[in-house]
Amino acid sequence: MNIGKLYIIAAPSGAGKTSLVKQLRAEITNLAVSISHTTRPIRPGETHGLDYYFIPVTTFQTMLEQRAFLEHALVFDNFYGTAQQTVEENLNKGLDVILEIDWQGAQQIKKLLPESISIFILPPSTAILRQRLRSRGQDDEKTIERRMRDAVAEMRHYDEFDYLVVNDVFEQALIALKSIVISHRLTRAKQQFSLQRLLSSLLS
């Protein structure tokens, strides 16, 4: 069976991870983005089941007890978790799967699935990161400052990841992400499976 590759993509809030992943999925075929469960309130413009599964804390705790999550974390006073069943189903279909999670979740996934590929997205500067957070228009200054402190704490874990991508110019960061995915699809193990017929005809 052609098993897909699992990609972990993490970034501090405001680094542009969500926009990059959305465009990456639009331009790369056979790529699925795992939808996380969260206890945080839904934001304007978000859709349940598309952006996140928005669930009560009690439901999240029940899923924890049932060991339904590959990973989970408490981020900015809210719980986030990746359901194991959906991820495994997509991988077994041969799809590559992206997990948009934080460093805590990345650590858990790497222990369970050491062959997964982890990517950390960095902002070009703290000043630009703060500017991006303000431009959202969702948080007051006190919340933005807290997000900045959390961002620094998150970025301290950059050295736990396989790849680093700086999101300065969006198009260049997107090319970098696409290059990572495409390069792993060209490994001998992956190509040997998809090119069986060609290899057979070339060697006969």
N, C-alpha and C. Protein backbone atom coordinates (compact mmCIF):
# COMPACT_ATOMS: atom_id res chain seq x y z
N MET A 1 0.85 -1.20 0.00
CA MET A 1 0.00 0.00 0.00
C MET A 1 0.88 1.24 0.00
N ASN A 2 0.50 2.20 -0.81
CA ASN A 2 1.27 3.44 -0.90
C ASN A 2 0.91 4.35 0.28
N ILE A 3 1.75 4.38 1.30
CA ILE A 3 1.48 5.17 2.49
C ILE A 3 1.94 6.60 2.29
N GLY A 4 1.08 7.55 2.66
CA GLY A 4 1.41 8.96 2.51
C GLY A 4 2.41 9.42 3.55
N LYS A 5 2.87 10.65 3.39
CA LYS A 5 3.84 11.26 4.30
C LYS A 5 3.12 12.24 5.22
N LEU A 6 3.54 12.27 6.46
CA LEU A 6 2.96 13.18 7.44
C LEU A 6 3.88 14.38 7.63
N TYR A 7 3.33 15.57 7.43
CA TYR A 7 4.08 16.81 7.60
C TYR A 7 3.53 17.59 8.79
N ILE A 8 4.43 18.03 9.66
CA ILE A 8 4.07 18.87 10.78
C ILE A 8 4.51 20.29 10.45
N ILE A 9 3.57 21.24 10.48
CA ILE A 9 3.93 22.63 10.23
C ILE A 9 3.53 23.46 11.43
N ALA A 10 4.51 24.11 12.04
CA ALA A 10 4.28 24.94 13.22
C ALA A 10 4.82 26.35 12.98
N ALA A 11 4.29 27.30 13.73
CA ALA A 11 4.73 28.68 13.59
C ALA A 11 4.14 29.49 14.74
N PRO A 12 4.77 30.59 15.10
CA PRO A 12 4.14 31.48 16.07
C PRO A 12 2.92 32.16 15.45
N SER A 13 1.97 32.53 16.27
CA SER A 13 0.77 33.22 15.80
C SER A 13 1.16 34.49 15.04
N GLY A 14 0.64 34.63 13.81
CA GLY A 14 0.93 35.80 13.01
C GLY A 14 2.03 35.60 11.97
N ALA A 15 2.64 34.42 11.95
CA ALA A 15 3.74 34.16 11.00
C ALA A 15 3.24 33.84 9.60
N GLY A 16 1.93 33.58 9.47
CA GLY A 16 1.36 33.33 8.14
C GLY A 16 1.21 31.86 7.78
N LYS A 17 1.27 31.00 8.79
CA LYS A 17 1.18 29.56 8.55
C LYS A 17 -0.11 29.16 7.83
N THR A 18 -1.25 29.66 8.31
CA THR A 18 -2.54 29.25 7.75
C THR A 18 -2.66 29.63 6.28
N SER A 19 -2.24 30.83 5.94
CA SER A 19 -2.30 31.28 4.53
C SER A 19 -1.38 30.45 3.65
N LEU A 20 -0.19 30.14 4.14
CA LEU A 20 0.75 29.35 3.36
C LEU A 20 0.22 27.93 3.13
N VAL A 21 -0.31 27.32 4.18
CA VAL A 21 -0.83 25.96 4.05
C VAL A 21 -2.02 25.92 3.10
N LYS A 22 -2.87 26.92 3.17
CA LYS A 22 -4.04 26.98 2.29
C LYS A 22 -3.61 27.03 0.83
N GLN A 23 -2.61 27.86 0.53
CA GLN A 23 -2.14 27.97 -0.86
C GLN A 23 -1.37 26.74 -1.28
N LEU A 24 -0.62 26.15 -0.35
CA LEU A 24 0.12 24.93 -0.64
C LEU A 24 -0.84 23.82 -1.06
N ARG A 25 -1.93 23.71 -0.34
CA ARG A 25 -2.92 22.68 -0.66
C ARG A 25 -3.58 22.95 -2.01
N ALA A 26 -3.75 24.23 -2.35
CA ALA A 26 -4.37 24.59 -3.63
C ALA A 26 -3.46 24.23 -4.81
N GLU A 27 -2.15 24.21 -4.59
CA GLU A 27 -1.21 24.01 -5.68
C GLU A 27 -0.58 22.62 -5.73
N ILE A 28 -0.76 21.84 -4.67
CA ILE A 28 -0.18 20.49 -4.63
C ILE A 28 -1.31 19.47 -4.54
N THR A 29 -1.31 18.49 -5.44
CA THR A 29 -2.36 17.47 -5.41
C THR A 29 -2.05 16.40 -4.36
N ASN A 30 -3.07 15.61 -4.04
CA ASN A 30 -2.94 14.50 -3.08
C ASN A 30 -2.38 14.95 -1.74
N LEU A 31 -2.86 16.11 -1.30
CA LEU A 31 -2.41 16.68 -0.04
C LEU A 31 -3.63 17.03 0.81
N ALA A 32 -3.67 16.47 2.01
CA ALA A 32 -4.80 16.73 2.91
C ALA A 32 -4.31 17.49 4.14
N VAL A 33 -5.14 18.38 4.63
CA VAL A 33 -4.83 19.11 5.85
C VAL A 33 -5.73 18.59 6.96
N SER A 34 -5.11 18.09 8.00
CA SER A 34 -5.88 17.56 9.13
C SER A 34 -6.60 18.70 9.84
N ILE A 35 -7.88 18.49 10.12
CA ILE A 35 -8.68 19.51 10.82
C ILE A 35 -8.65 19.19 12.31
N SER A 36 -8.12 20.11 13.07
CA SER A 36 -7.98 19.90 14.51
C SER A 36 -9.28 20.17 15.25
N HIS A 37 -9.40 19.57 16.42
CA HIS A 37 -10.48 19.88 17.35
C HIS A 37 -9.99 20.96 18.31
N THR A 38 -10.83 21.90 18.65
CA THR A 38 -10.44 22.95 19.58
C THR A 38 -11.62 23.36 20.46
N THR A 39 -11.27 23.86 21.65
CA THR A 39 -12.29 24.36 22.57
C THR A 39 -12.41 25.88 22.50
N ARG A 40 -11.61 26.52 21.65
CA ARG A 40 -11.69 27.98 21.59
C ARG A 40 -12.94 28.41 20.83
N PRO A 41 -13.42 29.63 21.08
CA PRO A 41 -14.61 30.12 20.37
C PRO A 41 -14.33 30.28 18.87
N ILE A 42 -15.35 30.10 18.08
CA ILE A 42 -15.23 30.28 16.64
C ILE A 42 -15.06 31.77 16.35
N ARG A 43 -14.19 32.10 15.40
CA ARG A 43 -13.93 33.50 15.03
C ARG A 43 -14.75 33.86 13.78
N PRO A 44 -14.96 35.14 13.56
CA PRO A 44 -15.69 35.57 12.36
C PRO A 44 -15.02 35.04 11.09
N GLY A 45 -15.81 34.48 10.20
CA GLY A 45 -15.29 33.96 8.94
C GLY A 45 -14.87 32.50 8.99
N GLU A 46 -14.86 31.91 10.18
CA GLU A 46 -14.49 30.50 10.31
C GLU A 46 -15.72 29.61 10.18
N THR A 47 -15.49 28.36 9.78
CA THR A 47 -16.57 27.40 9.60
C THR A 47 -16.25 26.12 10.36
N HIS A 48 -17.22 25.65 11.13
CA HIS A 48 -17.06 24.39 11.86
C HIS A 48 -16.91 23.24 10.86
N GLY A 49 -15.88 22.41 11.08
CA GLY A 49 -15.64 21.29 10.19
C GLY A 49 -14.77 21.63 9.00
N LEU A 50 -14.47 22.91 8.82
CA LEU A 50 -13.60 23.34 7.72
C LEU A 50 -12.30 23.92 8.28
N ASP A 51 -12.43 24.85 9.21
CA ASP A 51 -11.25 25.44 9.85
C ASP A 51 -10.82 24.62 11.07
N TYR A 52 -11.80 24.32 11.91
CA TYR A 52 -11.61 23.48 13.09
C TYR A 52 -12.92 22.77 13.38
N TYR A 53 -12.84 21.76 14.23
CA TYR A 53 -14.03 21.22 14.87
C TYR A 53 -14.13 21.92 16.23
N PHE A 54 -15.08 22.80 16.36
CA PHE A 54 -15.24 23.57 17.60
C PHE A 54 -16.12 22.78 18.56
N ILE A 55 -15.52 22.36 19.67
CA ILE A 55 -16.24 21.48 20.60
C ILE A 55 -16.12 22.01 22.03
N PRO A 56 -17.06 21.63 22.91
CA PRO A 56 -16.98 22.03 24.33
C PRO A 56 -15.82 21.32 25.03
N VAL A 57 -15.38 21.90 26.13
CA VAL A 57 -14.29 21.30 26.92
C VAL A 57 -14.65 19.89 27.36
N THR A 58 -15.91 19.68 27.74
CA THR A 58 -16.34 18.35 28.20
C THR A 58 -16.18 17.30 27.11
N THR A 59 -16.50 17.66 25.86
CA THR A 59 -16.33 16.73 24.74
C THR A 59 -14.86 16.43 24.49
N PHE A 60 -14.04 17.48 24.60
CA PHE A 60 -12.61 17.31 24.41
C PHE A 60 -12.04 16.35 25.46
N GLN A 61 -12.47 16.52 26.70
CA GLN A 61 -12.00 15.66 27.79
C GLN A 61 -12.42 14.21 27.58
N THR A 62 -13.64 14.03 27.06
CA THR A 62 -14.10 12.66 26.77
C THR A 62 -13.25 12.02 25.69
N MET A 63 -12.90 12.78 24.66
CA MET A 63 -12.04 12.26 23.59
C MET A 63 -10.64 11.93 24.12
N LEU A 64 -10.17 12.73 25.06
CA LEU A 64 -8.88 12.44 25.69
C LEU A 64 -8.92 11.11 26.42
N GLU A 65 -9.99 10.91 27.17
CA GLU A 65 -10.15 9.67 27.93
C GLU A 65 -10.22 8.46 27.00
N GLN A 66 -10.78 8.67 25.81
CA GLN A 66 -10.90 7.59 24.82
C GLN A 66 -9.63 7.43 23.98
N ARG A 67 -8.63 8.25 24.28
CA ARG A 67 -7.36 8.23 23.55
C ARG A 67 -7.58 8.42 22.05
N ALA A 68 -8.43 9.36 21.73
CA ALA A 68 -8.77 9.61 20.32
C ALA A 68 -7.79 10.53 19.62
N PHE A 69 -6.89 11.15 20.38
CA PHE A 69 -5.98 12.15 19.80
C PHE A 69 -4.57 11.59 19.58
N LEU A 70 -3.99 11.94 18.42
CA LEU A 70 -2.58 11.67 18.19
C LEU A 70 -1.73 12.59 19.06
N GLU A 71 -2.20 13.82 19.19
CA GLU A 71 -1.52 14.81 20.03
C GLU A 71 -2.56 15.80 20.51
N HIS A 72 -2.23 16.47 21.62
CA HIS A 72 -3.09 17.54 22.10
C HIS A 72 -2.25 18.51 22.90
N ALA A 73 -2.74 19.73 23.04
CA ALA A 73 -1.99 20.75 23.76
C ALA A 73 -2.94 21.84 24.25
N LEU A 74 -2.49 22.54 25.27
CA LEU A 74 -3.18 23.71 25.78
C LEU A 74 -2.45 24.93 25.25
N VAL A 75 -3.12 25.71 24.40
CA VAL A 75 -2.50 26.87 23.77
C VAL A 75 -3.37 28.10 24.01
N PHE A 76 -2.79 29.10 24.63
CA PHE A 76 -3.50 30.36 24.86
C PHE A 76 -4.85 30.12 25.54
N ASP A 77 -4.84 29.26 26.57
CA ASP A 77 -6.01 28.93 27.40
C ASP A 77 -7.06 28.07 26.70
N ASN A 78 -6.74 27.52 25.54
CA ASN A 78 -7.68 26.66 24.84
C ASN A 78 -7.01 25.34 24.46
N PHE A 79 -7.80 24.28 24.43
CA PHE A 79 -7.28 22.97 24.05
C PHE A 79 -7.37 22.76 22.55
N TYR A 80 -6.34 22.10 22.01
CA TYR A 80 -6.31 21.72 20.60
C TYR A 80 -5.89 20.26 20.51
N GLY A 81 -6.44 19.53 19.56
CA GLY A 81 -6.07 18.12 19.42
C GLY A 81 -6.26 17.62 18.00
N THR A 82 -5.43 16.64 17.61
CA THR A 82 -5.50 16.03 16.28
C THR A 82 -6.06 14.62 16.42
N ALA A 83 -7.21 14.38 15.80
CA ALA A 83 -7.84 13.06 15.87
C ALA A 83 -7.02 12.03 15.09
N GLN A 84 -6.75 10.90 15.71
CA GLN A 84 -5.89 9.88 15.12
C GLN A 84 -6.53 9.19 13.93
N GLN A 85 -7.82 8.88 14.01
CA GLN A 85 -8.48 8.08 12.98
C GLN A 85 -8.42 8.72 11.60
N THR A 86 -8.75 10.01 11.53
CA THR A 86 -8.78 10.69 10.23
C THR A 86 -7.40 10.75 9.60
N VAL A 87 -6.39 11.04 10.41
CA VAL A 87 -5.02 11.12 9.89
C VAL A 87 -4.59 9.77 9.32
N GLU A 88 -4.83 8.70 10.06
CA GLU A 88 -4.42 7.37 9.60
C GLU A 88 -5.16 6.96 8.33
N GLU A 89 -6.44 7.30 8.24
CA GLU A 89 -7.22 6.96 7.04
C GLU A 89 -6.64 7.65 5.81
N ASN A 90 -6.30 8.92 5.93
CA ASN A 90 -5.74 9.66 4.79
C ASN A 90 -4.37 9.14 4.39
N LEU A 91 -3.52 8.84 5.38
CA LEU A 91 -2.20 8.30 5.08
C LEU A 91 -2.30 6.95 4.38
N ASN A 92 -3.23 6.13 4.81
CA ASN A 92 -3.40 4.80 4.21
C ASN A 92 -3.96 4.87 2.80
N LYS A 93 -4.59 5.99 2.46
CA LYS A 93 -5.07 6.20 1.09
C LYS A 93 -3.93 6.65 0.18
N GLY A 94 -2.76 6.94 0.77
CA GLY A 94 -1.63 7.42 -0.02
C GLY A 94 -1.55 8.92 -0.08
N LEU A 95 -2.41 9.61 0.67
CA LEU A 95 -2.36 11.07 0.70
C LEU A 95 -1.26 11.54 1.65
N ASP A 96 -0.61 12.63 1.30
CA ASP A 96 0.26 13.30 2.25
C ASP A 96 -0.63 14.16 3.15
N VAL A 97 -0.31 14.20 4.42
CA VAL A 97 -1.16 14.90 5.39
C VAL A 97 -0.36 15.97 6.12
N ILE A 98 -0.96 17.16 6.23
CA ILE A 98 -0.34 18.26 6.97
C ILE A 98 -1.05 18.43 8.31
N LEU A 99 -0.26 18.53 9.36
CA LEU A 99 -0.78 18.88 10.68
C LEU A 99 -0.31 20.29 11.01
N GLU A 100 -1.24 21.19 11.22
CA GLU A 100 -0.91 22.54 11.67
C GLU A 100 -1.01 22.56 13.20
N ILE A 101 0.12 22.39 13.87
CA ILE A 101 0.11 22.27 15.32
C ILE A 101 1.25 23.09 15.91
N ASP A 102 1.30 23.18 17.24
CA ASP A 102 2.37 23.92 17.89
C ASP A 102 3.51 22.98 18.26
N TRP A 103 4.55 23.53 18.89
CA TRP A 103 5.74 22.73 19.20
C TRP A 103 5.44 21.59 20.17
N GLN A 104 4.46 21.80 21.06
CA GLN A 104 4.11 20.73 21.99
C GLN A 104 3.55 19.52 21.24
N GLY A 105 2.63 19.80 20.33
CA GLY A 105 2.06 18.73 19.51
C GLY A 105 3.11 18.08 18.62
N ALA A 106 4.02 18.91 18.10
CA ALA A 106 5.09 18.38 17.24
C ALA A 106 5.96 17.38 17.99
N GLN A 107 6.26 17.68 19.24
CA GLN A 107 7.06 16.76 20.04
C GLN A 107 6.35 15.42 20.21
N GLN A 108 5.05 15.49 20.47
CA GLN A 108 4.28 14.26 20.66
C GLN A 108 4.24 13.42 19.38
N ILE A 109 4.00 14.09 18.26
CA ILE A 109 3.92 13.38 16.98
C ILE A 109 5.27 12.75 16.62
N LYS A 110 6.36 13.48 16.83
CA LYS A 110 7.69 12.97 16.50
C LYS A 110 8.03 11.73 17.31
N LYS A 111 7.55 11.66 18.55
CA LYS A 111 7.80 10.47 19.37
C LYS A 111 7.01 9.28 18.85
N LEU A 112 5.76 9.54 18.43
CA LEU A 112 4.91 8.47 17.93
C LEU A 112 5.29 8.07 16.51
N LEU A 113 5.59 9.08 15.67
CA LEU A 113 5.86 8.85 14.25
C LEU A 113 7.15 9.57 13.87
N PRO A 114 8.30 8.99 14.21
CA PRO A 114 9.58 9.67 13.98
C PRO A 114 9.91 9.95 12.51
N GLU A 115 9.23 9.27 11.58
CA GLU A 115 9.50 9.50 10.16
C GLU A 115 8.73 10.70 9.60
N SER A 116 7.89 11.32 10.42
CA SER A 116 7.17 12.51 9.96
C SER A 116 8.16 13.65 9.74
N ILE A 117 7.79 14.57 8.86
CA ILE A 117 8.64 15.70 8.50
C ILE A 117 8.11 16.96 9.18
N SER A 118 8.98 17.65 9.92
CA SER A 118 8.54 18.83 10.65
C SER A 118 9.15 20.10 10.06
N ILE A 119 8.30 21.11 9.93
CA ILE A 119 8.68 22.40 9.32
C ILE A 119 8.26 23.52 10.26
N PHE A 120 9.18 24.44 10.53
CA PHE A 120 8.85 25.59 11.37
C PHE A 120 8.92 26.86 10.54
N ILE A 121 7.85 27.65 10.60
CA ILE A 121 7.79 28.89 9.83
C ILE A 121 8.11 30.07 10.74
N LEU A 122 9.09 30.87 10.34
CA LEU A 122 9.53 32.03 11.11
C LEU A 122 9.10 33.33 10.45
N PRO A 123 8.81 34.36 11.24
CA PRO A 123 8.59 35.69 10.67
C PRO A 123 9.93 36.33 10.37
N PRO A 124 9.99 37.34 9.49
CA PRO A 124 11.27 37.98 9.18
C PRO A 124 11.80 38.86 10.31
N SER A 125 10.92 39.28 11.22
CA SER A 125 11.35 40.10 12.36
C SER A 125 10.21 40.16 13.38
N THR A 126 10.55 40.54 14.60
CA THR A 126 9.51 40.70 15.63
C THR A 126 8.62 41.89 15.31
N ALA A 127 9.19 42.92 14.70
CA ALA A 127 8.39 44.10 14.35
C ALA A 127 7.31 43.75 13.34
N ILE A 128 7.67 42.95 12.33
CA ILE A 128 6.69 42.55 11.32
C ILE A 128 5.66 41.59 11.92
N LEU A 129 6.11 40.73 12.82
CA LEU A 129 5.16 39.83 13.48
C LEU A 129 4.12 40.62 14.26
N ARG A 130 4.57 41.62 15.01
CA ARG A 130 3.64 42.45 15.78
C ARG A 130 2.68 43.20 14.84
N GLN A 131 3.22 43.68 13.73
CA GLN A 131 2.40 44.39 12.74
C GLN A 131 1.31 43.48 12.16
N ARG A 132 1.68 42.24 11.87
CA ARG A 132 0.71 41.28 11.32
C ARG A 132 -0.40 40.97 12.33
N LEU A 133 -0.03 40.84 13.59
CA LEU A 133 -1.03 40.58 14.63
C LEU A 133 -2.00 41.75 14.76
N ARG A 134 -1.47 42.96 14.69
CA ARG A 134 -2.33 44.15 14.78
C ARG A 134 -3.26 44.27 13.57
N SER A 135 -2.74 43.90 12.40
CA SER A 135 -3.53 44.06 11.17
C SER A 135 -4.73 43.12 11.11
N ARG A 136 -4.72 42.08 11.94
CA ARG A 136 -5.88 41.19 12.00
C ARG A 136 -7.11 41.91 12.53
N GLY A 137 -6.87 42.85 13.43
CA GLY A 137 -7.98 43.58 14.03
C GLY A 137 -8.83 42.76 14.98
N GLN A 138 -8.25 41.69 15.52
CA GLN A 138 -9.03 40.79 16.38
C GLN A 138 -8.71 40.95 17.86
N ASP A 139 -7.54 41.51 18.18
CA ASP A 139 -7.08 41.54 19.57
C ASP A 139 -6.74 42.96 20.01
N ASP A 140 -6.91 43.21 21.32
CA ASP A 140 -6.46 44.47 21.88
C ASP A 140 -4.96 44.41 22.13
N GLU A 141 -4.36 45.54 22.53
CA GLU A 141 -2.91 45.60 22.69
C GLU A 141 -2.40 44.64 23.77
N LYS A 142 -3.17 44.48 24.84
CA LYS A 142 -2.76 43.57 25.92
C LYS A 142 -2.67 42.14 25.40
N THR A 143 -3.66 41.75 24.59
CA THR A 143 -3.66 40.40 24.02
C THR A 143 -2.54 40.23 23.01
N ILE A 144 -2.28 41.26 22.23
CA ILE A 144 -1.19 41.20 21.25
C ILE A 144 0.15 41.02 21.94
N GLU A 145 0.36 41.73 23.04
CA GLU A 145 1.61 41.59 23.76
C GLU A 145 1.76 40.19 24.34
N ARG A 146 0.65 39.63 24.79
CA ARG A 146 0.72 38.25 25.28
C ARG A 146 1.04 37.30 24.13
N ARG A 147 0.44 37.53 22.97
CA ARG A 147 0.73 36.68 21.82
C ARG A 147 2.21 36.82 21.41
N MET A 148 2.76 38.01 21.55
CA MET A 148 4.18 38.20 21.23
C MET A 148 5.07 37.41 22.18
N ARG A 149 4.72 37.42 23.47
CA ARG A 149 5.49 36.63 24.44
C ARG A 149 5.38 35.14 24.13
N ASP A 150 4.16 34.72 23.79
CA ASP A 150 3.96 33.31 23.43
C ASP A 150 4.74 32.95 22.16
N ALA A 151 4.81 33.91 21.23
CA ALA A 151 5.54 33.67 19.97
C ALA A 151 7.02 33.43 20.23
N VAL A 152 7.61 34.23 21.12
CA VAL A 152 9.02 34.05 21.45
C VAL A 152 9.24 32.68 22.09
N ALA A 153 8.33 32.30 22.99
CA ALA A 153 8.43 30.99 23.65
C ALA A 153 8.33 29.87 22.61
N GLU A 154 7.45 30.05 21.63
CA GLU A 154 7.29 29.05 20.57
C GLU A 154 8.55 28.96 19.71
N MET A 155 9.10 30.12 19.35
CA MET A 155 10.25 30.14 18.45
C MET A 155 11.51 29.58 19.08
N ARG A 156 11.55 29.51 20.40
CA ARG A 156 12.71 28.93 21.08
C ARG A 156 12.87 27.43 20.74
N HIS A 157 11.82 26.84 20.21
CA HIS A 157 11.86 25.40 19.88
C HIS A 157 12.16 25.14 18.40
N TYR A 158 12.63 26.15 17.69
CA TYR A 158 12.89 26.00 16.26
C TYR A 158 13.85 24.85 15.96
N ASP A 159 14.80 24.62 16.90
CA ASP A 159 15.84 23.61 16.62
C ASP A 159 15.35 22.18 16.77
N GLU A 160 14.06 22.00 17.08
CA GLU A 160 13.49 20.66 17.17
C GLU A 160 12.87 20.23 15.84
N PHE A 161 12.92 21.12 14.84
CA PHE A 161 12.26 20.87 13.56
C PHE A 161 13.28 20.53 12.47
N ASP A 162 12.81 19.82 11.44
CA ASP A 162 13.68 19.39 10.35
C ASP A 162 13.99 20.52 9.37
N TYR A 163 13.02 21.40 9.14
CA TYR A 163 13.18 22.49 8.17
C TYR A 163 12.75 23.82 8.80
N LEU A 164 13.42 24.90 8.37
CA LEU A 164 13.04 26.25 8.76
C LEU A 164 12.73 27.05 7.49
N VAL A 165 11.57 27.72 7.50
CA VAL A 165 11.16 28.55 6.37
C VAL A 165 10.80 29.93 6.91
N VAL A 166 11.41 30.98 6.35
CA VAL A 166 11.11 32.35 6.76
C VAL A 166 10.04 32.90 5.84
N ASN A 167 8.93 33.34 6.42
CA ASN A 167 7.84 33.92 5.62
C ASN A 167 8.00 35.43 5.56
N ASP A 168 8.92 35.87 4.69
CA ASP A 168 9.11 37.30 4.45
C ASP A 168 8.31 37.67 3.21
N VAL A 169 8.73 37.12 2.07
CA VAL A 169 7.96 37.25 0.83
C VAL A 169 7.13 35.98 0.69
N PHE A 170 5.81 36.14 0.67
CA PHE A 170 4.90 34.99 0.70
C PHE A 170 5.21 33.99 -0.40
N GLU A 171 5.40 34.46 -1.63
CA GLU A 171 5.61 33.57 -2.76
C GLU A 171 6.88 32.73 -2.59
N GLN A 172 7.92 33.33 -2.02
CA GLN A 172 9.17 32.60 -1.81
C GLN A 172 9.02 31.54 -0.72
N ALA A 173 8.29 31.89 0.33
CA ALA A 173 8.03 30.92 1.40
C ALA A 173 7.20 29.75 0.87
N LEU A 174 6.24 30.05 0.00
CA LEU A 174 5.42 29.01 -0.60
C LEU A 174 6.25 28.08 -1.47
N ILE A 175 7.17 28.64 -2.25
CA ILE A 175 8.06 27.82 -3.08
C ILE A 175 8.89 26.89 -2.21
N ALA A 176 9.35 27.40 -1.08
CA ALA A 176 10.15 26.58 -0.16
C ALA A 176 9.34 25.40 0.36
N LEU A 177 8.10 25.65 0.76
CA LEU A 177 7.24 24.58 1.26
C LEU A 177 6.96 23.55 0.17
N LYS A 178 6.66 24.03 -1.04
CA LYS A 178 6.40 23.12 -2.15
C LYS A 178 7.62 22.26 -2.46
N SER A 179 8.80 22.86 -2.36
CA SER A 179 10.04 22.14 -2.64
C SER A 179 10.25 21.00 -1.65
N ILE A 180 9.91 21.25 -0.38
CA ILE A 180 10.06 20.22 0.64
C ILE A 180 9.15 19.03 0.34
N VAL A 181 7.89 19.32 0.03
CA VAL A 181 6.93 18.26 -0.25
C VAL A 181 7.32 17.49 -1.51
N ILE A 182 7.65 18.21 -2.57
CA ILE A 182 7.98 17.56 -3.84
C ILE A 182 9.24 16.71 -3.70
N SER A 183 10.23 17.20 -2.98
CA SER A 183 11.48 16.44 -2.84
C SER A 183 11.24 15.11 -2.14
N HIS A 184 10.34 15.09 -1.16
CA HIS A 184 10.07 13.84 -0.45
C HIS A 184 9.23 12.88 -1.31
N ARG A 185 8.52 13.42 -2.28
CA ARG A 185 7.78 12.55 -3.20
C ARG A 185 8.69 11.92 -4.25
N LEU A 186 9.92 12.43 -4.37
CA LEU A 186 10.86 11.92 -5.36
C LEU A 186 11.87 10.94 -4.78
N THR A 187 11.70 10.58 -3.51
CA THR A 187 12.62 9.60 -2.93
C THR A 187 12.46 8.26 -3.63
N ARG A 188 13.49 7.43 -3.56
CA ARG A 188 13.44 6.14 -4.23
C ARG A 188 12.26 5.30 -3.75
N ALA A 189 12.04 5.29 -2.43
CA ALA A 189 10.95 4.48 -1.88
C ALA A 189 9.60 4.87 -2.46
N LYS A 190 9.35 6.18 -2.57
CA LYS A 190 8.07 6.63 -3.13
C LYS A 190 8.00 6.37 -4.63
N GLN A 191 9.06 6.68 -5.34
CA GLN A 191 9.08 6.52 -6.79
C GLN A 191 9.04 5.06 -7.21
N GLN A 192 9.68 4.21 -6.42
CA GLN A 192 9.70 2.79 -6.75
C GLN A 192 8.29 2.22 -6.80
N PHE A 193 7.42 2.73 -5.93
CA PHE A 193 6.04 2.26 -5.91
C PHE A 193 5.26 2.81 -7.11
N SER A 194 5.35 4.13 -7.33
CA SER A 194 4.53 4.76 -8.38
C SER A 194 5.05 4.47 -9.79
N LEU A 195 6.33 4.12 -9.89
CA LEU A 195 6.92 3.88 -11.21
C LEU A 195 7.17 2.39 -11.49
N GLN A 196 6.42 1.53 -10.84
CA GLN A 196 6.62 0.08 -10.99
C GLN A 196 6.57 -0.36 -12.45
N ARG A 197 5.55 0.11 -13.16
CA ARG A 197 5.38 -0.32 -14.55
C ARG A 197 6.52 0.17 -15.43
N LEU A 198 6.91 1.44 -15.25
CA LEU A 198 8.01 1.99 -16.03
C LEU A 198 9.31 1.26 -15.74
N LEU A 199 9.62 1.06 -14.48
CA LEU A 199 10.86 0.37 -14.09
C LEU A 199 10.90 -1.04 -14.66
N SER A 200 9.76 -1.70 -14.62
CA SER A 200 9.69 -3.06 -15.14
C SER A 200 9.99 -3.10 -16.64
N SER A 201 9.40 -2.13 -17.38
CA SER A 201 9.60 -2.10 -18.83
C SER A 201 11.03 -1.69 -19.18
N LEU A 202 11.63 -0.80 -18.38
CA LEU A 202 12.98 -0.35 -18.65
C LEU A 202 14.01 -1.44 -18.38
N LEU A 203 13.70 -2.31 -17.44
CA LEU A 203 14.69 -3.33 -17.03
C LEU A 203 14.45 -4.69 -17.67
N SER A 204 13.40 -4.79 -18.47
CA SER A 204 13.11 -6.11 -19.09
C SER A 204 13.90 -6.29 -20.38
